[in-house]
Amino acid sequence: MTRYRMILPLLLLSLPLAGCSGESEGVSLEELREKTHIHGVAFDRTDSQRIQLATHHGFHIVGADGRARQVSGETHDFMGFSPHPKEADTLFASGHPAHGGNLGVMVSTDGGGSWEQRSAGADGPVDFHQLTVSEADPDVLYGAYRGQLQISLDGGHQWQLQAPAPEGLIGLAASSRYPDQLYAATQAGLLMSPDGGQRWRQIHPERYPVSLVEVNGGELYVFMLGIGLLRAEEASRDWEVVKGEWGERYLMHLAVDPNDPQRLVAADDLNQLLISDNGGRDWSRLE
């Protein structure tokens, strides 16, 4: 696992790549892959045939024709991308503006067409590389910045420092059951906090790096390097290895279709977009 521990932090950093075209006919996913880096994925809740991509150079939609279109004039580096779990057109993100600096907490209420700063965050403007919205209470958001976990209790308008973030933090996911319950993907394993990040404990016996954690409707998805893609019910946390043969590849972002829980989309460490129609057991590359 030494090699993974060395490369994982590097691949999670933003890549200084060239800008991406926003022309209406769009670009192929291979062209997009060559020009920018994917920082977040989601299914469009208004039309799950459309896939939302937060990238290093703006916000894109992949249509049913397989082409990516930039749907906003902003070419920000969108980090910590998190859709609202109830409101289809509301999206949250953080990151960096195209000209440098930090974005604070950004929100779109029109499906990514336009973005505005909702808050600078505590001691901001912040740059949340990890940001999550509670499915149990969408007014509760968590973000991590400069080694500190922050919390908002009013939909992202006001933020306060909560606790130190877990060491080696890679991803955050709020529980779908309780707004105070939080999961953390770290370089030393998968952690859970029952009290909004004040205390943490390990919830998988292996301590391999975890490159993503995602919660959807009571199901918990994790990618653990050296083991593969895992799934468990939040209530029981009985782990199932969904797909274990990945070689040296790993997944970095994952989303579940809200209309079909067997349909998953993911972005891997090679910046490729993958799709599964059987709950993650088999994957094909979107091209």
C-alpha atoms as a PDB file:
ATOM      1  CA  MET A   1       0.000   0.000   0.000  1.00  0.00           C
ATOM      2  CA  THR A   2       3.037   2.329   0.170  1.00  0.00           C
ATOM      3  CA  ARG A   3       2.700   3.368  -3.441  1.00  0.00           C
ATOM      4  CA  TYR A   4      -0.976   4.301  -2.956  1.00  0.00           C
ATOM      5  CA  ARG A   5      -0.190   6.328   0.135  1.00  0.00           C
ATOM      6  CA  MET A   6       2.329   8.328  -1.843  1.00  0.00           C
ATOM      7  CA  ILE A   7       0.229   9.055  -4.927  1.00  0.00           C
ATOM      8  CA  LEU A   8      -3.216   9.529  -3.431  1.00  0.00           C
ATOM      9  CA  PRO A   9      -2.648  13.044  -2.026  1.00  0.00           C
ATOM     10  CA  LEU A  10      -1.072  14.123  -5.306  1.00  0.00           C
ATOM     11  CA  LEU A  11      -4.018  12.981  -7.388  1.00  0.00           C
ATOM     12  CA  LEU A  12      -6.466  14.770  -5.101  1.00  0.00           C
ATOM     13  CA  LEU A  13      -4.852  18.120  -5.840  1.00  0.00           C
ATOM     14  CA  SER A  14      -6.169  20.369  -8.603  1.00  0.00           C
ATOM     15  CA  LEU A  15      -4.388  19.962 -11.896  1.00  0.00           C
ATOM     16  CA  PRO A  16      -3.150  23.085 -13.741  1.00  0.00           C
ATOM     17  CA  LEU A  17      -4.752  22.178 -17.045  1.00  0.00           C
ATOM     18  CA  ALA A  18      -5.971  24.263 -19.960  1.00  0.00           C
ATOM     19  CA  GLY A  19      -9.500  25.725 -20.060  1.00  0.00           C
ATOM     20  CA  CYS A  20     -12.448  23.858 -21.526  1.00  0.00           C
ATOM     21  CA  SER A  21     -14.777  24.882 -24.332  1.00  0.00           C
ATOM     22  CA  GLY A  22     -18.355  25.828 -23.447  1.00  0.00           C
ATOM     23  CA  GLU A  23     -19.762  25.751 -26.971  1.00  0.00           C
ATOM     24  CA  SER A  24     -23.301  24.435 -27.311  1.00  0.00           C
ATOM     25  CA  GLU A  25     -22.380  21.305 -29.292  1.00  0.00           C
ATOM     26  CA  GLY A  26     -20.160  20.266 -26.390  1.00  0.00           C
ATOM     27  CA  VAL A  27     -17.049  18.146 -26.374  1.00  0.00           C
ATOM     28  CA  SER A  28     -16.426  14.423 -26.156  1.00  0.00           C
ATOM     29  CA  LEU A  29     -15.569  13.002 -22.751  1.00  0.00           C
ATOM     30  CA  GLU A  30     -12.077  12.201 -24.015  1.00  0.00           C
ATOM     31  CA  GLU A  31     -11.599  15.852 -24.973  1.00  0.00           C
ATOM     32  CA  LEU A  32     -12.887  16.919 -21.575  1.00  0.00           C
ATOM     33  CA  ARG A  33     -10.563  14.430 -19.870  1.00  0.00           C
ATOM     34  CA  GLU A  34      -7.582  15.932 -21.680  1.00  0.00           C
ATOM     35  CA  LYS A  35      -8.495  19.520 -20.787  1.00  0.00           C
ATOM     36  CA  THR A  36      -9.630  19.430 -17.170  1.00  0.00           C
ATOM     37  CA  HIS A  37     -10.006  17.315 -14.037  1.00  0.00           C
ATOM     38  CA  ILE A  38     -13.224  15.999 -12.473  1.00  0.00           C
ATOM     39  CA  HIS A  39     -13.801  17.002  -8.843  1.00  0.00           C
ATOM     40  CA  GLY A  40     -17.366  15.737  -8.377  1.00  0.00           C
ATOM     41  CA  VAL A  41     -20.170  13.798 -10.083  1.00  0.00           C
ATOM     42  CA  ALA A  42     -23.944  13.561  -9.665  1.00  0.00           C
ATOM     43  CA  PHE A  43     -27.049  12.538 -11.564  1.00  0.00           C
ATOM     44  CA  ASP A  44     -29.298  15.445 -12.502  1.00  0.00           C
ATOM     45  CA  ARG A  45     -32.399  14.921 -10.347  1.00  0.00           C
ATOM     46  CA  THR A  46     -34.604  16.534 -12.996  1.00  0.00           C
ATOM     47  CA  ASP A  47     -33.353  14.115 -15.676  1.00  0.00           C
ATOM     48  CA  SER A  48     -31.104  11.272 -14.552  1.00  0.00           C
ATOM     49  CA  GLN A  49     -29.963  10.637 -18.117  1.00  0.00           C
ATOM     50  CA  ARG A  50     -27.892  13.783 -17.577  1.00  0.00           C
ATOM     51  CA  ILE A  51     -24.732  13.610 -15.467  1.00  0.00           C
ATOM     52  CA  GLN A  52     -23.410  16.648 -13.642  1.00  0.00           C
ATOM     53  CA  LEU A  53     -19.662  17.219 -13.455  1.00  0.00           C
ATOM     54  CA  ALA A  54     -17.864  19.715 -11.233  1.00  0.00           C
ATOM     55  CA  THR A  55     -14.442  20.251 -12.759  1.00  0.00           C
ATOM     56  CA  HIS A  56     -11.255  22.265 -12.404  1.00  0.00           C
ATOM     57  CA  HIS A  57     -12.595  24.566 -15.152  1.00  0.00           C
ATOM     58  CA  GLY A  58     -16.314  25.012 -14.532  1.00  0.00           C
ATOM     59  CA  PHE A  59     -19.540  23.040 -14.276  1.00  0.00           C
ATOM     60  CA  HIS A  60     -20.558  20.642 -17.056  1.00  0.00           C
ATOM     61  CA  ILE A  61     -23.490  18.421 -17.990  1.00  0.00           C
ATOM     62  CA  VAL A  62     -23.000  15.151 -19.883  1.00  0.00           C
ATOM     63  CA  GLY A  63     -26.094  14.557 -22.003  1.00  0.00           C
ATOM     64  CA  ALA A  64     -27.640  11.371 -23.345  1.00  0.00           C
ATOM     65  CA  ASP A  65     -25.501  11.851 -26.458  1.00  0.00           C
ATOM     66  CA  GLY A  66     -22.359  11.411 -24.348  1.00  0.00           C
ATOM     67  CA  ARG A  67     -21.084  14.943 -24.923  1.00  0.00           C
ATOM     68  CA  ALA A  68     -20.147  17.358 -22.160  1.00  0.00           C
ATOM     69  CA  ARG A  69     -21.440  20.923 -22.216  1.00  0.00           C
ATOM     70  CA  GLN A  70     -20.369  23.723 -19.937  1.00  0.00           C
ATOM     71  CA  VAL A  71     -23.629  25.119 -18.595  1.00  0.00           C
ATOM     72  CA  SER A  72     -22.277  28.123 -16.744  1.00  0.00           C
ATOM     73  CA  GLY A  73     -20.123  31.050 -17.785  1.00  0.00           C
ATOM     74  CA  GLU A  74     -18.008  30.677 -14.644  1.00  0.00           C
ATOM     75  CA  THR A  75     -14.812  28.707 -15.112  1.00  0.00           C
ATOM     76  CA  HIS A  76     -14.182  28.297 -11.390  1.00  0.00           C
ATOM     77  CA  ASP A  77     -12.339  25.334  -9.945  1.00  0.00           C
ATOM     78  CA  PHE A  78     -15.357  23.709  -8.272  1.00  0.00           C
ATOM     79  CA  MET A  79     -14.279  21.597  -5.287  1.00  0.00           C
ATOM     80  CA  GLY A  80     -16.416  19.891  -2.646  1.00  0.00           C
ATOM     81  CA  PHE A  81     -19.349  19.582  -5.046  1.00  0.00           C
ATOM     82  CA  SER A  82     -22.516  18.456  -3.204  1.00  0.00           C
ATOM     83  CA  PRO A  83     -26.074  18.415  -4.591  1.00  0.00           C
ATOM     84  CA  HIS A  84     -28.952  19.272  -2.283  1.00  0.00           C
ATOM     85  CA  PRO A  85     -30.591  15.931  -1.341  1.00  0.00           C
ATOM     86  CA  LYS A  86     -34.152  17.237  -1.793  1.00  0.00           C
ATOM     87  CA  GLU A  87     -34.167  20.287  -4.085  1.00  0.00           C
ATOM     88  CA  ALA A  88     -33.318  19.141  -7.601  1.00  0.00           C
ATOM     89  CA  ASP A  89     -31.897  22.438  -8.874  1.00  0.00           C
ATOM     90  CA  THR A  90     -29.897  23.382  -5.775  1.00  0.00           C
ATOM     91  CA  LEU A  91     -26.190  22.580  -5.803  1.00  0.00           C
ATOM     92  CA  PHE A  92     -23.356  23.478  -3.429  1.00  0.00           C
ATOM     93  CA  ALA A  93     -19.642  23.806  -4.112  1.00  0.00           C
ATOM     94  CA  SER A  94     -16.495  25.550  -2.959  1.00  0.00           C
ATOM     95  CA  GLY A  95     -12.993  25.842  -4.404  1.00  0.00           C
ATOM     96  CA  HIS A  96     -11.171  28.560  -6.276  1.00  0.00           C
ATOM     97  CA  PRO A  97     -12.155  31.303  -8.737  1.00  0.00           C
ATOM     98  CA  ALA A  98     -10.469  31.262 -12.129  1.00  0.00           C
ATOM     99  CA  HIS A  99      -8.295  34.249 -11.168  1.00  0.00           C
ATOM    100  CA  GLY A 100      -7.079  32.710  -7.887  1.00  0.00           C
ATOM    101  CA  GLY A 101      -8.058  32.835  -4.232  1.00  0.00           C
ATOM    102  CA  ASN A 102     -10.932  30.995  -2.538  1.00  0.00           C
ATOM    103  CA  LEU A 103     -14.616  30.889  -3.460  1.00  0.00           C
ATOM    104  CA  GLY A 104     -16.174  30.425  -0.032  1.00  0.00           C
ATOM    105  CA  VAL A 105     -19.438  28.473  -0.135  1.00  0.00           C
ATOM    106  CA  MET A 106     -21.108  28.715  -3.534  1.00  0.00           C
ATOM    107  CA  VAL A 107     -24.689  27.794  -4.385  1.00  0.00           C
ATOM    108  CA  SER A 108     -26.619  27.355  -7.614  1.00  0.00           C
ATOM    109  CA  THR A 109     -30.424  27.272  -7.572  1.00  0.00           C
ATOM    110  CA  ASP A 110     -30.835  26.695 -11.307  1.00  0.00           C
ATOM    111  CA  GLY A 111     -29.047  23.393 -11.813  1.00  0.00           C
ATOM    112  CA  GLY A 112     -25.580  24.876 -12.286  1.00  0.00           C
ATOM    113  CA  GLY A 113     -26.434  27.633 -14.759  1.00  0.00           C
ATOM    114  CA  SER A 114     -25.409  30.394 -12.376  1.00  0.00           C
ATOM    115  CA  TRP A 115     -23.540  30.481  -9.060  1.00  0.00           C
ATOM    116  CA  GLU A 116     -23.263  32.952  -6.200  1.00  0.00           C
ATOM    117  CA  GLN A 117     -21.453  33.015  -2.897  1.00  0.00           C
ATOM    118  CA  ARG A 118     -23.775  32.119  -0.029  1.00  0.00           C
ATOM    119  CA  SER A 119     -21.114  32.540   2.640  1.00  0.00           C
ATOM    120  CA  ALA A 120     -17.410  33.120   3.047  1.00  0.00           C
ATOM    121  CA  GLY A 121     -17.394  30.440   5.760  1.00  0.00           C
ATOM    122  CA  ALA A 122     -15.750  30.776   9.159  1.00  0.00           C
ATOM    123  CA  ASP A 123     -12.398  32.590   8.922  1.00  0.00           C
ATOM    124  CA  GLY A 124     -12.922  32.636   5.156  1.00  0.00           C
ATOM    125  CA  PRO A 125     -13.237  32.844   2.324  1.00  0.00           C
ATOM    126  CA  VAL A 126     -12.871  29.109   2.682  1.00  0.00           C
ATOM    127  CA  ASP A 127     -11.836  26.510   0.150  1.00  0.00           C
ATOM    128  CA  PHE A 128     -13.759  23.388   1.150  1.00  0.00           C
ATOM    129  CA  HIS A 129     -12.207  20.452  -0.714  1.00  0.00           C
ATOM    130  CA  GLN A 130     -14.609  18.303   1.331  1.00  0.00           C
ATOM    131  CA  LEU A 131     -18.212  19.466   1.627  1.00  0.00           C
ATOM    132  CA  THR A 132     -21.377  17.485   2.396  1.00  0.00           C
ATOM    133  CA  VAL A 133     -25.082  18.200   2.888  1.00  0.00           C
ATOM    134  CA  SER A 134     -27.079  16.118   5.353  1.00  0.00           C
ATOM    135  CA  GLU A 135     -29.803  14.008   3.776  1.00  0.00           C
ATOM    136  CA  ALA A 136     -31.407  13.732   7.226  1.00  0.00           C
ATOM    137  CA  ASP A 137     -31.596  17.545   7.548  1.00  0.00           C
ATOM    138  CA  PRO A 138     -30.513  19.522   4.454  1.00  0.00           C
ATOM    139  CA  ASP A 139     -30.031  22.667   6.561  1.00  0.00           C
ATOM    140  CA  VAL A 140     -26.972  20.954   8.070  1.00  0.00           C
ATOM    141  CA  LEU A 141     -23.757  21.149   6.038  1.00  0.00           C
ATOM    142  CA  TYR A 142     -20.190  20.195   6.921  1.00  0.00           C
ATOM    143  CA  GLY A 143     -16.956  21.355   5.311  1.00  0.00           C
ATOM    144  CA  ALA A 144     -13.237  21.010   5.990  1.00  0.00           C
ATOM    145  CA  TYR A 145     -10.714  23.836   5.612  1.00  0.00           C
ATOM    146  CA  ARG A 146      -7.148  24.202   6.922  1.00  0.00           C
ATOM    147  CA  GLY A 147      -7.417  21.180   9.166  1.00  0.00           C
ATOM    148  CA  GLN A 148     -10.662  22.298  10.800  1.00  0.00           C
ATOM    149  CA  LEU A 149     -14.175  20.936  10.419  1.00  0.00           C
ATOM    150  CA  GLN A 150     -16.884  23.596  10.026  1.00  0.00           C
ATOM    151  CA  ILE A 151     -20.653  23.268  10.347  1.00  0.00           C
ATOM    152  CA  SER A 152     -23.638  25.244   9.119  1.00  0.00           C
ATOM    153  CA  LEU A 153     -27.105  24.785  10.625  1.00  0.00           C
ATOM    154  CA  ASP A 154     -28.986  27.134   8.296  1.00  0.00           C
ATOM    155  CA  GLY A 155     -28.375  25.844   4.780  1.00  0.00           C
ATOM    156  CA  GLY A 156     -24.886  27.282   4.368  1.00  0.00           C
ATOM    157  CA  HIS A 157     -25.520  30.918   5.305  1.00  0.00           C
ATOM    158  CA  GLN A 158     -23.583  30.929   8.572  1.00  0.00           C
ATOM    159  CA  TRP A 159     -20.682  28.712   9.577  1.00  0.00           C
ATOM    160  CA  GLN A 160     -18.820  27.958  12.779  1.00  0.00           C
ATOM    161  CA  LEU A 161     -15.729  25.981  13.667  1.00  0.00           C
ATOM    162  CA  GLN A 162     -16.704  22.560  14.964  1.00  0.00           C
ATOM    163  CA  ALA A 163     -13.580  20.482  15.665  1.00  0.00           C
ATOM    164  CA  PRO A 164     -10.234  19.462  14.149  1.00  0.00           C
ATOM    165  CA  ALA A 165     -10.708  17.479  10.955  1.00  0.00           C
ATOM    166  CA  PRO A 166      -9.506  13.849  10.961  1.00  0.00           C
ATOM    167  CA  GLU A 167      -5.874  13.454   9.980  1.00  0.00           C
ATOM    168  CA  GLY A 168      -5.375  12.503   6.320  1.00  0.00           C
ATOM    169  CA  LEU A 169      -8.933  13.492   5.386  1.00  0.00           C
ATOM    170  CA  ILE A 170      -9.938  12.709   1.782  1.00  0.00           C
ATOM    171  CA  GLY A 171     -13.756  12.786   1.768  1.00  0.00           C
ATOM    172  CA  LEU A 172     -16.786  13.574   3.943  1.00  0.00           C
ATOM    173  CA  ALA A 173     -20.332  12.209   3.792  1.00  0.00           C
ATOM    174  CA  ALA A 174     -23.199  13.086   6.119  1.00  0.00           C
ATOM    175  CA  SER A 175     -25.480  10.280   7.234  1.00  0.00           C
ATOM    176  CA  SER A 176     -28.950   9.855   5.747  1.00  0.00           C
ATOM    177  CA  ARG A 177     -30.268   8.846   9.186  1.00  0.00           C
ATOM    178  CA  TYR A 178     -29.045  11.467  11.662  1.00  0.00           C
ATOM    179  CA  PRO A 179     -27.785  15.015  10.979  1.00  0.00           C
ATOM    180  CA  ASP A 180     -25.075  14.643  13.661  1.00  0.00           C
ATOM    181  CA  GLN A 181     -23.662  11.456  12.120  1.00  0.00           C
ATOM    182  CA  LEU A 182     -20.753  11.921   9.749  1.00  0.00           C
ATOM    183  CA  TYR A 183     -18.394   9.645   7.797  1.00  0.00           C
ATOM    184  CA  ALA A 184     -14.799  10.406   6.825  1.00  0.00           C
ATOM    185  CA  ALA A 185     -12.648   8.771   4.159  1.00  0.00           C
ATOM    186  CA  THR A 186      -9.037   9.067   5.299  1.00  0.00           C
ATOM    187  CA  GLN A 187      -5.626   7.780   4.343  1.00  0.00           C
ATOM    188  CA  ALA A 188      -5.769   5.445   7.357  1.00  0.00           C
ATOM    189  CA  GLY A 189      -9.263   4.013   6.905  1.00  0.00           C
ATOM    190  CA  LEU A 190     -12.968   4.779   7.237  1.00  0.00           C
ATOM    191  CA  LEU A 191     -14.185   6.738  10.272  1.00  0.00           C
ATOM    192  CA  MET A 192     -17.585   7.620  11.714  1.00  0.00           C
ATOM    193  CA  SER A 193     -18.530  10.409  14.092  1.00  0.00           C
ATOM    194  CA  PRO A 194     -21.806  10.248  16.070  1.00  0.00           C
ATOM    195  CA  ASP A 195     -21.613  13.895  17.164  1.00  0.00           C
ATOM    196  CA  GLY A 196     -20.836  16.048  14.144  1.00  0.00           C
ATOM    197  CA  GLY A 197     -17.082  15.494  14.139  1.00  0.00           C
ATOM    198  CA  GLN A 198     -16.280  15.895  17.827  1.00  0.00           C
ATOM    199  CA  ARG A 199     -15.297  12.231  18.196  1.00  0.00           C
ATOM    200  CA  TRP A 200     -14.326   9.630  15.586  1.00  0.00           C
ATOM    201  CA  ARG A 201     -14.031   5.865  15.512  1.00  0.00           C
ATOM    202  CA  GLN A 202     -13.019   3.331  12.897  1.00  0.00           C
ATOM    203  CA  ILE A 203     -15.951   1.450  11.321  1.00  0.00           C
ATOM    204  CA  HIS A 204     -14.114  -0.902   8.963  1.00  0.00           C
ATOM    205  CA  PRO A 205     -11.493  -3.306  10.313  1.00  0.00           C
ATOM    206  CA  GLU A 206      -8.947  -2.545   7.583  1.00  0.00           C
ATOM    207  CA  ARG A 207      -6.885   0.633   7.724  1.00  0.00           C
ATOM    208  CA  TYR A 208      -6.167   1.008   4.019  1.00  0.00           C
ATOM    209  CA  PRO A 209      -6.627   4.418   2.363  1.00  0.00           C
ATOM    210  CA  VAL A 210     -10.247   5.231   1.484  1.00  0.00           C
ATOM    211  CA  SER A 211     -10.557   7.343  -1.652  1.00  0.00           C
ATOM    212  CA  LEU A 212     -14.305   8.064  -1.395  1.00  0.00           C
ATOM    213  CA  VAL A 213     -17.310   7.725   0.874  1.00  0.00           C
ATOM    214  CA  GLU A 214     -20.850   8.298  -0.385  1.00  0.00           C
ATOM    215  CA  VAL A 215     -24.236   7.992   1.344  1.00  0.00           C
ATOM    216  CA  ASN A 216     -27.482   7.470  -0.555  1.00  0.00           C
ATOM    217  CA  GLY A 217     -30.851   6.600   0.940  1.00  0.00           C
ATOM    218  CA  GLY A 218     -29.467   4.633   3.845  1.00  0.00           C
ATOM    219  CA  GLU A 219     -26.717   2.890   1.867  1.00  0.00           C
ATOM    220  CA  LEU A 220     -23.053   3.584   2.421  1.00  0.00           C
ATOM    221  CA  TYR A 221     -20.529   3.256  -0.450  1.00  0.00           C
ATOM    222  CA  VAL A 222     -16.785   3.222   0.107  1.00  0.00           C
ATOM    223  CA  PHE A 223     -13.792   2.656  -2.130  1.00  0.00           C
ATOM    224  CA  MET A 224     -10.905   1.195  -0.127  1.00  0.00           C
ATOM    225  CA  LEU A 225      -7.582   0.793  -1.881  1.00  0.00           C
ATOM    226  CA  GLY A 226      -6.453  -2.820  -1.818  1.00  0.00           C
ATOM    227  CA  ILE A 227     -10.024  -4.091  -1.335  1.00  0.00           C
ATOM    228  CA  GLY A 228     -12.234  -2.302  -3.866  1.00  0.00           C
ATOM    229  CA  LEU A 229     -15.766  -0.924  -3.903  1.00  0.00           C
ATOM    230  CA  LEU A 230     -17.745  -1.769  -0.763  1.00  0.00           C
ATOM    231  CA  ARG A 231     -21.349  -1.224   0.236  1.00  0.00           C
ATOM    232  CA  ALA A 232     -23.257  -1.519   3.501  1.00  0.00           C
ATOM    233  CA  GLU A 233     -26.559  -0.515   5.002  1.00  0.00           C
ATOM    234  CA  GLU A 234     -25.987   2.375   7.360  1.00  0.00           C
ATOM    235  CA  ALA A 235     -28.096   0.706  10.045  1.00  0.00           C
ATOM    236  CA  SER A 236     -26.064  -2.513  10.144  1.00  0.00           C
ATOM    237  CA  ARG A 237     -22.738  -1.641   8.494  1.00  0.00           C
ATOM    238  CA  ASP A 238     -22.372  -5.247   7.333  1.00  0.00           C
ATOM    239  CA  TRP A 239     -19.862  -4.787   4.538  1.00  0.00           C
ATOM    240  CA  GLU A 240     -20.168  -6.355   1.094  1.00  0.00           C
ATOM    241  CA  VAL A 241     -17.396  -6.180  -1.487  1.00  0.00           C
ATOM    242  CA  VAL A 242     -19.293  -5.121  -4.599  1.00  0.00           C
ATOM    243  CA  LYS A 243     -16.302  -5.229  -6.921  1.00  0.00           C
ATOM    244  CA  GLY A 244     -12.837  -6.149  -5.758  1.00  0.00           C
ATOM    245  CA  GLU A 245     -10.672  -6.384  -8.875  1.00  0.00           C
ATOM    246  CA  TRP A 246      -9.403  -2.932  -9.867  1.00  0.00           C
ATOM    247  CA  GLY A 247      -5.677  -3.468 -10.261  1.00  0.00           C
ATOM    248  CA  GLU A 248      -3.931  -0.243  -9.300  1.00  0.00           C
ATOM    249  CA  ARG A 249      -6.906   1.921 -10.308  1.00  0.00           C
ATOM    250  CA  TYR A 250      -9.333   3.375  -7.814  1.00  0.00           C
ATOM    251  CA  LEU A 251     -12.495   5.464  -7.760  1.00  0.00           C
ATOM    252  CA  MET A 252     -12.414   9.055  -6.545  1.00  0.00           C
ATOM    253  CA  HIS A 253     -16.050  10.204  -6.903  1.00  0.00           C
ATOM    254  CA  LEU A 254     -19.318   8.262  -7.035  1.00  0.00           C
ATOM    255  CA  ALA A 255     -23.048   9.003  -7.302  1.00  0.00           C
ATOM    256  CA  VAL A 256     -26.218   6.885  -7.289  1.00  0.00           C
ATOM    257  CA  ASP A 257     -29.137   7.546  -9.631  1.00  0.00           C
ATOM    258  CA  PRO A 258     -32.007   8.795  -7.405  1.00  0.00           C
ATOM    259  CA  ASN A 259     -34.494   7.044  -9.720  1.00  0.00           C
ATOM    260  CA  ASP A 260     -32.622   3.734 -10.014  1.00  0.00           C
ATOM    261  CA  PRO A 261     -30.323   2.632  -7.162  1.00  0.00           C
ATOM    262  CA  GLN A 262     -28.717   0.023  -9.417  1.00  0.00           C
ATOM    263  CA  ARG A 263     -27.330   2.767 -11.675  1.00  0.00           C
ATOM    264  CA  LEU A 264     -24.070   4.326 -10.512  1.00  0.00           C
ATOM    265  CA  VAL A 265     -21.641   6.784 -12.057  1.00  0.00           C
ATOM    266  CA  ALA A 266     -18.044   7.277 -10.940  1.00  0.00           C
ATOM    267  CA  ALA A 267     -14.840   9.086 -11.837  1.00  0.00           C
ATOM    268  CA  ASP A 268     -11.577   7.207 -11.386  1.00  0.00           C
ATOM    269  CA  ASP A 269      -7.983   8.246 -10.727  1.00  0.00           C
ATOM    270  CA  LEU A 270      -7.326   8.344 -14.482  1.00  0.00           C
ATOM    271  CA  ASN A 271     -10.016  11.038 -14.830  1.00  0.00           C
ATOM    272  CA  GLN A 272     -12.295   8.615 -16.662  1.00  0.00           C
ATOM    273  CA  LEU A 273     -16.067   8.540 -16.241  1.00  0.00           C
ATOM    274  CA  LEU A 274     -17.533   5.079 -15.573  1.00  0.00           C
ATOM    275  CA  ILE A 275     -21.118   3.804 -15.435  1.00  0.00           C
ATOM    276  CA  SER A 276     -22.692   0.740 -13.832  1.00  0.00           C
ATOM    277  CA  ASP A 277     -26.229  -0.574 -14.343  1.00  0.00           C
ATOM    278  CA  ASN A 278     -26.073  -3.396 -11.787  1.00  0.00           C
ATOM    279  CA  GLY A 279     -25.206  -1.731  -8.508  1.00  0.00           C
ATOM    280  CA  GLY A 280     -21.459  -1.461  -9.121  1.00  0.00           C
ATOM    281  CA  ARG A 281     -20.598  -5.074  -9.952  1.00  0.00           C
ATOM    282  CA  ASP A 282     -19.738  -4.277 -13.579  1.00  0.00           C
ATOM    283  CA  TRP A 283     -18.566  -1.005 -15.076  1.00  0.00           C
ATOM    284  CA  SER A 284     -18.105   0.418 -18.547  1.00  0.00           C
ATOM    285  CA  ARG A 285     -16.357   3.579 -19.578  1.00  0.00           C
ATOM    286  CA  LEU A 286     -18.457   6.466 -20.846  1.00  0.00           C
ATOM    287  CA  GLU A 287     -16.927   7.817 -24.040  1.00  0.00           C
END
